[in-house]
């Protein structure tokens, strides 16, 4: 399992999708996918079906929603399984997001 917030989320996505061993999941909060243009070449088959949880604040002034949502759309277009959530918050974490993370973790780690 890889997880991160903001820059840490970008690292989790970049590294996890290219990692040569199967991961249980990737959680990326308030972030985006860096180096998206090379993912189709560098993404590993081991993590093509890895569950991905992405969440973003609608009012995020640090990493605008369009960057996170655009990354989600890009990855979905390549066949990655992304669960996307957005919340009425800025560049932070809210109680509903924590609850949704718990639900996702229980589902992913149970499998």
N, C-alpha and C. Protein backbone atom coordinates (compact mmCIF):
# COMPACT_ATOMS: atom_id res chain seq x y z
N UNK A 1 0.85 -1.17 0.00
CA UNK A 1 0.00 0.00 0.00
C UNK A 1 0.90 1.23 0.00
N UNK A 2 0.63 2.13 -0.91
CA UNK A 2 1.29 3.44 -0.92
C UNK A 2 0.22 4.49 -0.71
N UNK A 3 0.55 5.51 0.05
CA UNK A 3 -0.40 6.59 0.31
C UNK A 3 0.36 7.89 0.48
N UNK A 4 -0.30 8.99 0.09
CA UNK A 4 0.32 10.28 0.28
C UNK A 4 -0.67 11.42 0.06
N UNK A 5 -0.31 12.55 0.64
CA UNK A 5 -1.09 13.79 0.53
C UNK A 5 -0.24 14.82 -0.20
N UNK A 6 -0.82 15.51 -1.16
CA UNK A 6 -0.17 16.58 -1.90
C UNK A 6 1.06 16.03 -2.64
N UNK A 7 2.26 16.52 -2.33
CA UNK A 7 3.46 16.01 -3.01
C UNK A 7 3.66 14.53 -2.74
N UNK A 8 3.31 14.09 -1.53
CA UNK A 8 3.42 12.67 -1.21
C UNK A 8 2.47 11.83 -2.05
N UNK A 9 1.31 12.37 -2.36
CA UNK A 9 0.36 11.67 -3.23
C UNK A 9 0.88 11.57 -4.66
N UNK A 10 1.54 12.62 -5.12
CA UNK A 10 2.13 12.59 -6.46
C UNK A 10 3.21 11.51 -6.53
N UNK A 11 4.01 11.41 -5.48
CA UNK A 11 5.05 10.37 -5.42
C UNK A 11 4.41 8.99 -5.37
N UNK A 12 3.34 8.83 -4.58
CA UNK A 12 2.66 7.53 -4.49
C UNK A 12 2.13 7.10 -5.86
N UNK A 13 1.49 8.02 -6.58
CA UNK A 13 0.97 7.67 -7.90
C UNK A 13 2.10 7.37 -8.89
N UNK A 14 3.07 8.26 -8.96
CA UNK A 14 4.17 8.07 -9.90
C UNK A 14 4.90 6.75 -9.66
N UNK A 15 5.25 6.50 -8.42
CA UNK A 15 6.02 5.31 -8.07
C UNK A 15 5.17 4.04 -8.11
N UNK A 16 3.98 4.10 -7.53
CA UNK A 16 3.14 2.92 -7.44
C UNK A 16 2.73 2.35 -8.78
N UNK A 17 2.41 3.21 -9.73
CA UNK A 17 1.98 2.73 -11.04
C UNK A 17 3.13 2.17 -11.87
N UNK A 18 4.35 2.46 -11.44
CA UNK A 18 5.54 1.97 -12.14
C UNK A 18 6.27 0.87 -11.35
N UNK A 19 5.78 0.55 -10.17
CA UNK A 19 6.45 -0.41 -9.30
C UNK A 19 6.31 -1.83 -9.86
N UNK A 20 7.39 -2.62 -9.85
CA UNK A 20 7.35 -3.94 -10.51
C UNK A 20 6.73 -5.06 -9.68
N UNK A 21 6.28 -4.79 -8.46
CA UNK A 21 5.62 -5.82 -7.66
C UNK A 21 4.21 -5.34 -7.31
N UNK A 22 3.28 -6.28 -7.18
CA UNK A 22 1.88 -5.96 -6.92
C UNK A 22 1.71 -5.25 -5.58
N UNK A 23 0.97 -4.14 -5.60
CA UNK A 23 0.63 -3.40 -4.39
C UNK A 23 -0.83 -3.66 -4.03
N UNK A 24 -1.16 -3.52 -2.74
CA UNK A 24 -2.55 -3.70 -2.31
C UNK A 24 -3.42 -2.54 -2.76
N UNK A 25 -2.84 -1.35 -2.87
CA UNK A 25 -3.59 -0.17 -3.28
C UNK A 25 -2.72 1.06 -3.26
N UNK A 26 -3.26 2.13 -3.86
CA UNK A 26 -2.59 3.44 -3.88
C UNK A 26 -3.63 4.47 -3.46
N UNK A 27 -3.29 5.25 -2.44
CA UNK A 27 -4.17 6.33 -1.98
C UNK A 27 -3.46 7.65 -2.25
N UNK A 28 -4.13 8.53 -2.97
CA UNK A 28 -3.54 9.80 -3.37
C UNK A 28 -4.51 10.93 -3.05
N UNK A 29 -4.17 11.74 -2.06
CA UNK A 29 -5.07 12.78 -1.57
C UNK A 29 -4.59 14.16 -1.98
N UNK A 30 -5.49 14.97 -2.52
CA UNK A 30 -5.20 16.36 -2.90
C UNK A 30 -3.94 16.45 -3.74
N UNK A 31 -3.94 15.72 -4.84
CA UNK A 31 -2.73 15.62 -5.65
C UNK A 31 -3.05 15.41 -7.12
N UNK A 32 -2.04 15.07 -7.89
CA UNK A 32 -2.15 14.86 -9.33
C UNK A 32 -1.11 13.83 -9.74
N UNK A 33 -1.19 13.34 -10.96
CA UNK A 33 -0.23 12.38 -11.50
C UNK A 33 0.87 13.12 -12.25
N UNK A 34 2.09 13.12 -11.71
CA UNK A 34 3.21 13.73 -12.46
C UNK A 34 3.68 12.78 -13.56
N UNK A 35 4.32 13.31 -14.56
CA UNK A 35 4.87 12.52 -15.66
C UNK A 35 3.82 11.62 -16.30
N UNK A 36 2.61 12.14 -16.42
CA UNK A 36 1.51 11.35 -16.99
C UNK A 36 1.82 10.90 -18.42
N UNK A 37 2.51 11.72 -19.17
CA UNK A 37 2.77 11.41 -20.58
C UNK A 37 3.61 10.14 -20.77
N UNK A 38 4.35 9.72 -19.76
CA UNK A 38 5.17 8.51 -19.90
C UNK A 38 4.54 7.28 -19.25
N UNK A 39 3.38 7.42 -18.63
CA UNK A 39 2.78 6.29 -17.92
C UNK A 39 2.45 5.13 -18.85
N UNK A 40 1.99 5.41 -20.04
CA UNK A 40 1.64 4.31 -20.96
C UNK A 40 2.85 3.46 -21.31
N UNK A 41 4.07 4.03 -21.24
CA UNK A 41 5.31 3.29 -21.51
C UNK A 41 5.88 2.67 -20.24
N UNK A 42 5.79 3.37 -19.13
CA UNK A 42 6.48 2.97 -17.91
C UNK A 42 5.61 2.23 -16.89
N UNK A 43 4.30 2.32 -17.04
CA UNK A 43 3.41 1.64 -16.09
C UNK A 43 3.61 0.14 -16.16
N UNK A 44 3.63 -0.51 -15.00
CA UNK A 44 3.88 -1.94 -14.97
C UNK A 44 2.56 -2.72 -14.97
N UNK A 45 2.56 -3.88 -15.60
CA UNK A 45 1.35 -4.71 -15.60
C UNK A 45 0.98 -5.18 -14.19
N UNK A 46 1.97 -5.30 -13.31
CA UNK A 46 1.70 -5.76 -11.94
C UNK A 46 0.73 -4.84 -11.20
N UNK A 47 0.70 -3.56 -11.53
CA UNK A 47 -0.17 -2.62 -10.82
C UNK A 47 -1.23 -1.98 -11.71
N UNK A 48 -1.46 -2.57 -12.86
CA UNK A 48 -2.51 -2.05 -13.75
C UNK A 48 -3.89 -2.18 -13.11
N UNK A 49 -4.11 -3.22 -12.31
CA UNK A 49 -5.42 -3.43 -11.69
C UNK A 49 -5.43 -3.06 -10.20
N UNK A 50 -4.39 -2.42 -9.72
CA UNK A 50 -4.32 -2.01 -8.32
C UNK A 50 -5.39 -0.97 -8.02
N UNK A 51 -6.15 -1.15 -6.95
CA UNK A 51 -7.16 -0.15 -6.60
C UNK A 51 -6.50 1.19 -6.24
N UNK A 52 -7.08 2.25 -6.76
CA UNK A 52 -6.56 3.61 -6.51
C UNK A 52 -7.69 4.44 -5.90
N UNK A 53 -7.39 5.09 -4.79
CA UNK A 53 -8.34 6.01 -4.16
C UNK A 53 -7.77 7.41 -4.29
N UNK A 54 -8.51 8.28 -4.96
CA UNK A 54 -8.11 9.68 -5.09
C UNK A 54 -9.21 10.55 -4.51
N UNK A 55 -8.81 11.56 -3.74
CA UNK A 55 -9.75 12.50 -3.16
C UNK A 55 -9.17 13.90 -3.26
N UNK A 56 -10.05 14.89 -3.40
CA UNK A 56 -9.58 16.26 -3.63
C UNK A 56 -10.60 17.27 -3.10
N UNK A 57 -10.10 18.38 -2.64
CA UNK A 57 -10.96 19.46 -2.20
C UNK A 57 -11.40 20.33 -3.38
N UNK A 58 -12.67 20.63 -3.43
CA UNK A 58 -13.23 21.45 -4.51
C UNK A 58 -12.61 22.85 -4.51
N UNK A 59 -12.24 23.35 -3.34
CA UNK A 59 -11.73 24.72 -3.21
C UNK A 59 -10.22 24.75 -2.96
N UNK A 60 -9.50 23.74 -3.43
CA UNK A 60 -8.06 23.62 -3.18
C UNK A 60 -7.30 24.71 -3.94
N UNK A 61 -6.63 25.66 -3.23
CA UNK A 61 -5.87 26.69 -3.91
C UNK A 61 -4.43 26.27 -4.21
N UNK A 62 -3.97 25.16 -3.64
CA UNK A 62 -2.59 24.71 -3.82
C UNK A 62 -2.46 23.84 -5.06
N UNK A 63 -3.29 22.82 -5.13
CA UNK A 63 -3.37 21.95 -6.32
C UNK A 63 -4.83 22.00 -6.77
N UNK A 64 -5.12 22.78 -7.78
CA UNK A 64 -6.51 22.97 -8.20
C UNK A 64 -7.20 21.64 -8.53
N UNK A 65 -8.49 21.59 -8.26
CA UNK A 65 -9.30 20.41 -8.51
C UNK A 65 -9.11 19.89 -9.92
N UNK A 66 -8.99 20.77 -10.88
CA UNK A 66 -8.86 20.34 -12.28
C UNK A 66 -7.61 19.49 -12.49
N UNK A 67 -6.56 19.70 -11.71
CA UNK A 67 -5.35 18.88 -11.85
C UNK A 67 -5.60 17.46 -11.34
N UNK A 68 -6.24 17.35 -10.18
CA UNK A 68 -6.54 16.02 -9.65
C UNK A 68 -7.55 15.29 -10.50
N UNK A 69 -8.63 15.98 -10.87
CA UNK A 69 -9.67 15.36 -11.69
C UNK A 69 -9.14 14.99 -13.07
N UNK A 70 -8.28 15.83 -13.61
CA UNK A 70 -7.68 15.53 -14.90
C UNK A 70 -6.80 14.28 -14.84
N UNK A 71 -6.06 14.13 -13.75
CA UNK A 71 -5.24 12.94 -13.57
C UNK A 71 -6.10 11.69 -13.45
N UNK A 72 -7.19 11.81 -12.70
CA UNK A 72 -8.11 10.68 -12.56
C UNK A 72 -8.69 10.29 -13.92
N UNK A 73 -9.12 11.26 -14.69
CA UNK A 73 -9.68 10.98 -16.02
C UNK A 73 -8.64 10.34 -16.93
N UNK A 74 -7.42 10.83 -16.87
CA UNK A 74 -6.33 10.28 -17.68
C UNK A 74 -6.08 8.82 -17.32
N UNK A 75 -5.95 8.54 -16.02
CA UNK A 75 -5.67 7.17 -15.58
C UNK A 75 -6.84 6.23 -15.91
N UNK A 76 -8.06 6.69 -15.71
CA UNK A 76 -9.23 5.90 -16.04
C UNK A 76 -9.23 5.56 -17.53
N UNK A 77 -8.84 6.53 -18.35
CA UNK A 77 -8.76 6.32 -19.79
C UNK A 77 -7.74 5.26 -20.19
N UNK A 78 -6.73 5.08 -19.33
CA UNK A 78 -5.72 4.04 -19.59
C UNK A 78 -6.11 2.70 -18.97
N UNK A 79 -7.27 2.66 -18.31
CA UNK A 79 -7.76 1.40 -17.77
C UNK A 79 -7.49 1.17 -16.29
N UNK A 80 -6.98 2.18 -15.59
CA UNK A 80 -6.75 2.04 -14.15
C UNK A 80 -8.08 2.19 -13.40
N UNK A 81 -8.21 1.47 -12.29
CA UNK A 81 -9.42 1.49 -11.48
C UNK A 81 -9.28 2.57 -10.40
N UNK A 82 -9.82 3.74 -10.67
CA UNK A 82 -9.71 4.87 -9.75
C UNK A 82 -11.06 5.13 -9.10
N UNK A 83 -11.06 5.14 -7.77
CA UNK A 83 -12.24 5.58 -7.03
C UNK A 83 -11.99 7.05 -6.68
N UNK A 84 -12.85 7.92 -7.16
CA UNK A 84 -12.68 9.37 -7.03
C UNK A 84 -13.71 9.96 -6.08
N UNK A 85 -13.25 10.81 -5.18
CA UNK A 85 -14.13 11.54 -4.26
C UNK A 85 -13.68 13.00 -4.23
N UNK A 86 -14.63 13.90 -4.11
CA UNK A 86 -14.29 15.31 -3.91
C UNK A 86 -15.15 15.86 -2.79
N UNK A 87 -14.58 16.83 -2.09
CA UNK A 87 -15.21 17.34 -0.87
C UNK A 87 -15.18 18.87 -0.86
N UNK A 88 -16.13 19.50 -0.18
CA UNK A 88 -16.16 20.96 -0.09
C UNK A 88 -15.13 21.47 0.92
N UNK A 89 -13.86 21.43 0.52
CA UNK A 89 -12.77 21.85 1.40
C UNK A 89 -11.64 22.42 0.54
N UNK A 90 -10.63 22.96 1.22
CA UNK A 90 -9.45 23.46 0.52
C UNK A 90 -8.40 22.35 0.47
N UNK A 91 -7.14 22.67 0.64
CA UNK A 91 -6.03 21.72 0.59
C UNK A 91 -5.86 21.10 1.98
N UNK A 92 -6.77 20.18 2.30
CA UNK A 92 -6.81 19.62 3.65
C UNK A 92 -7.49 18.27 3.60
N UNK A 93 -7.81 17.76 4.78
CA UNK A 93 -8.55 16.51 4.92
C UNK A 93 -9.76 16.81 5.80
N UNK A 94 -10.90 16.22 5.46
CA UNK A 94 -12.11 16.45 6.25
C UNK A 94 -12.61 15.12 6.83
N UNK A 95 -13.55 15.21 7.76
CA UNK A 95 -14.06 14.02 8.44
C UNK A 95 -14.68 13.01 7.47
N UNK A 96 -15.45 13.49 6.49
CA UNK A 96 -16.06 12.57 5.53
C UNK A 96 -15.00 11.84 4.71
N UNK A 97 -13.93 12.55 4.38
CA UNK A 97 -12.84 11.93 3.63
C UNK A 97 -12.20 10.82 4.46
N UNK A 98 -11.96 11.07 5.74
CA UNK A 98 -11.38 10.06 6.62
C UNK A 98 -12.29 8.83 6.68
N UNK A 99 -13.59 9.05 6.78
CA UNK A 99 -14.55 7.93 6.78
C UNK A 99 -14.49 7.16 5.47
N UNK A 100 -14.43 7.87 4.35
CA UNK A 100 -14.36 7.22 3.03
C UNK A 100 -13.05 6.45 2.87
N UNK A 101 -11.97 6.99 3.40
CA UNK A 101 -10.68 6.28 3.37
C UNK A 101 -10.79 4.98 4.14
N UNK A 102 -11.40 5.03 5.32
CA UNK A 102 -11.59 3.82 6.13
C UNK A 102 -12.38 2.76 5.39
N UNK A 103 -13.45 3.18 4.75
CA UNK A 103 -14.28 2.24 3.98
C UNK A 103 -13.46 1.61 2.85
N UNK A 104 -12.72 2.43 2.14
CA UNK A 104 -11.90 1.95 1.03
C UNK A 104 -10.81 0.99 1.52
N UNK A 105 -10.13 1.37 2.60
CA UNK A 105 -9.06 0.51 3.14
C UNK A 105 -9.61 -0.85 3.57
N UNK A 106 -10.74 -0.86 4.26
CA UNK A 106 -11.33 -2.12 4.67
C UNK A 106 -11.66 -3.00 3.47
N UNK A 107 -12.19 -2.39 2.43
CA UNK A 107 -12.53 -3.15 1.22
C UNK A 107 -11.28 -3.68 0.53
N UNK A 108 -10.28 -2.85 0.37
CA UNK A 108 -9.07 -3.22 -0.35
C UNK A 108 -8.24 -4.26 0.42
N UNK A 109 -8.10 -4.05 1.72
CA UNK A 109 -7.25 -4.95 2.50
C UNK A 109 -7.93 -6.26 2.84
N UNK A 110 -9.24 -6.31 2.68
CA UNK A 110 -10.00 -7.54 2.90
C UNK A 110 -9.84 -8.48 1.72
N UNK A 111 -9.67 -7.92 0.54
CA UNK A 111 -9.61 -8.71 -0.70
C UNK A 111 -8.37 -9.58 -0.77
